[in-house]
C-alpha atoms as a PDB file:
ATOM      1  CA  MET A   1      -2.386   4.544  11.598  1.00  0.00           C
ATOM      2  CA  CYS A   2      -0.800   3.055  14.656  1.00  0.00           C
ATOM      3  CA  LYS A   3       2.402   1.137  15.002  1.00  0.00           C
ATOM      4  CA  ILE A   4       2.783  -2.234  16.689  1.00  0.00           C
ATOM      5  CA  SER A   5       4.164  -1.373  20.097  1.00  0.00           C
ATOM      6  CA  ASN A   6       7.143  -3.106  21.697  1.00  0.00           C
ATOM      7  CA  THR A   7       8.499  -4.540  18.456  1.00  0.00           C
ATOM      8  CA  ASP A   8      11.513  -4.061  16.268  1.00  0.00           C
ATOM      9  CA  LEU A   9       9.855  -5.891  13.382  1.00  0.00           C
ATOM     10  CA  SER A  10       9.722  -3.881  10.190  1.00  0.00           C
ATOM     11  CA  ILE A  11       9.060  -4.378   6.490  1.00  0.00           C
ATOM     12  CA  LYS A  12      12.241  -4.370   4.430  1.00  0.00           C
ATOM     13  CA  ARG A  13      10.952  -4.951   0.901  1.00  0.00           C
ATOM     14  CA  LEU A  14       8.222  -6.380  -1.319  1.00  0.00           C
ATOM     15  CA  ASP A  15       8.724  -8.790  -4.196  1.00  0.00           C
ATOM     16  CA  PHE A  16       6.372  -9.879  -6.981  1.00  0.00           C
ATOM     17  CA  SER A  17       8.638 -12.284  -8.869  1.00  0.00           C
ATOM     18  CA  LEU A  18       6.527 -15.327  -7.931  1.00  0.00           C
ATOM     19  CA  ARG A  19       3.598 -15.452 -10.330  1.00  0.00           C
ATOM     20  CA  GLY A  20       0.342 -14.470  -8.644  1.00  0.00           C
ATOM     21  CA  LYS A  21       2.012 -13.927  -5.266  1.00  0.00           C
ATOM     22  CA  MET A  22       3.439 -11.161  -3.159  1.00  0.00           C
ATOM     23  CA  ALA A  23       6.429 -11.769  -0.901  1.00  0.00           C
ATOM     24  CA  VAL A  24       7.064  -9.436   2.010  1.00  0.00           C
ATOM     25  CA  PHE A  25      10.479  -9.523   3.681  1.00  0.00           C
ATOM     26  CA  PHE A  26      10.797  -8.511   7.329  1.00  0.00           C
ATOM     27  CA  SER A  27      13.744  -7.184   9.297  1.00  0.00           C
ATOM     28  CA  ASP A  28      14.057 -10.361  11.384  1.00  0.00           C
ATOM     29  CA  GLY A  29      14.639 -12.492   8.272  1.00  0.00           C
ATOM     30  CA  ARG A  30      11.102 -13.834   7.925  1.00  0.00           C
ATOM     31  CA  GLU A  31       9.390 -13.844   4.570  1.00  0.00           C
ATOM     32  CA  VAL A  32       5.619 -13.991   4.149  1.00  0.00           C
ATOM     33  CA  ILE A  33       4.197 -15.025   0.780  1.00  0.00           C
ATOM     34  CA  VAL A  34       0.525 -14.400   0.092  1.00  0.00           C
ATOM     35  CA  PRO A  35      -1.590 -14.908  -3.035  1.00  0.00           C
ATOM     36  CA  LEU A  36      -2.439 -11.658  -4.793  1.00  0.00           C
ATOM     37  CA  ARG A  37      -6.094 -12.714  -4.849  1.00  0.00           C
ATOM     38  CA  MET A  38      -6.120 -11.742  -1.154  1.00  0.00           C
ATOM     39  CA  TYR A  39      -5.414  -8.174  -2.275  1.00  0.00           C
ATOM     40  CA  PRO A  40      -7.543  -7.447  -5.375  1.00  0.00           C
ATOM     41  CA  ASP A  41      -6.384  -3.809  -5.537  1.00  0.00           C
ATOM     42  CA  ILE A  42      -2.747  -4.875  -5.780  1.00  0.00           C
ATOM     43  CA  LYS A  43      -3.560  -7.699  -8.187  1.00  0.00           C
ATOM     44  CA  SER A  44      -5.190  -5.232 -10.583  1.00  0.00           C
ATOM     45  CA  LEU A  45      -1.998  -3.153 -10.819  1.00  0.00           C
ATOM     46  CA  SER A  46       0.314  -3.573 -13.789  1.00  0.00           C
ATOM     47  CA  VAL A  47       3.764  -5.077 -13.202  1.00  0.00           C
ATOM     48  CA  LYS A  48       5.281  -1.601 -13.470  1.00  0.00           C
ATOM     49  CA  GLN A  49       2.816  -0.204 -10.914  1.00  0.00           C
ATOM     50  CA  ARG A  50       3.475  -3.088  -8.484  1.00  0.00           C
ATOM     51  CA  ASN A  51       7.162  -2.280  -8.572  1.00  0.00           C
ATOM     52  CA  GLN A  52       6.434   1.274  -7.435  1.00  0.00           C
ATOM     53  CA  TRP A  53       5.829   0.313  -3.807  1.00  0.00           C
ATOM     54  CA  MET A  54       6.690   2.418  -0.773  1.00  0.00           C
ATOM     55  CA  ILE A  55       7.243   1.448   2.849  1.00  0.00           C
ATOM     56  CA  LEU A  56       5.805   3.883   5.385  1.00  0.00           C
ATOM     57  CA  ASP A  57       6.950   4.029   9.037  1.00  0.00           C
ATOM     58  CA  ASP A  58       8.538   0.563   8.596  1.00  0.00           C
ATOM     59  CA  GLN A  59       5.167  -1.126   9.222  1.00  0.00           C
ATOM     60  CA  PHE A  60       2.951  -0.058   6.333  1.00  0.00           C
ATOM     61  CA  PHE A  61       3.194  -0.230   2.562  1.00  0.00           C
ATOM     62  CA  THR A  62       1.437   1.361  -0.371  1.00  0.00           C
ATOM     63  CA  PHE A  63       1.839   1.934  -4.087  1.00  0.00           C
ATOM     64  CA  GLU A  64       2.073   5.123  -6.143  1.00  0.00           C
ATOM     65  CA  ALA A  65      -1.016   4.052  -8.122  1.00  0.00           C
ATOM     66  CA  LEU A  66      -3.161   3.288  -5.032  1.00  0.00           C
ATOM     67  CA  SER A  67      -4.483   5.470  -2.247  1.00  0.00           C
ATOM     68  CA  LYS A  68      -4.869   2.525   0.137  1.00  0.00           C
ATOM     69  CA  VAL A  69      -2.254   1.832   2.805  1.00  0.00           C
ATOM     70  CA  TYR A  70      -1.698  -1.772   3.906  1.00  0.00           C
ATOM     71  CA  SER A  71      -0.516  -2.610   7.409  1.00  0.00           C
ATOM     72  CA  MET A  72       1.969  -5.210   8.530  1.00  0.00           C
ATOM     73  CA  THR A  73      -0.517  -6.495  11.116  1.00  0.00           C
ATOM     74  CA  ASP A  74      -3.174  -7.115   8.458  1.00  0.00           C
ATOM     75  CA  LEU A  75      -0.626  -8.965   6.345  1.00  0.00           C
ATOM     76  CA  LEU A  76       0.408 -11.201   9.233  1.00  0.00           C
ATOM     77  CA  LYS A  77      -3.250 -12.059   9.934  1.00  0.00           C
ATOM     78  CA  VAL A  78      -3.727 -13.235   6.326  1.00  0.00           C
ATOM     79  CA  ALA A  79      -0.573 -15.348   6.162  1.00  0.00           C
END
């Protein structure tokens, strides 16, 4: 895993309160909302499992129930 160089941008939190969507909040105040269909592994998680997310190195996120790590750069390419 590599970090985006020369940036202070970081992931602050994830939110799944919008049905069928994932919202990612960044340190600069931006919010990216993407449909869960873009991430089938996350979509297949139960509500409880989705709420067990973890932020890694400020630029990656994962879930206790998944072994996959998602990057901030991949998320910004989708949005």
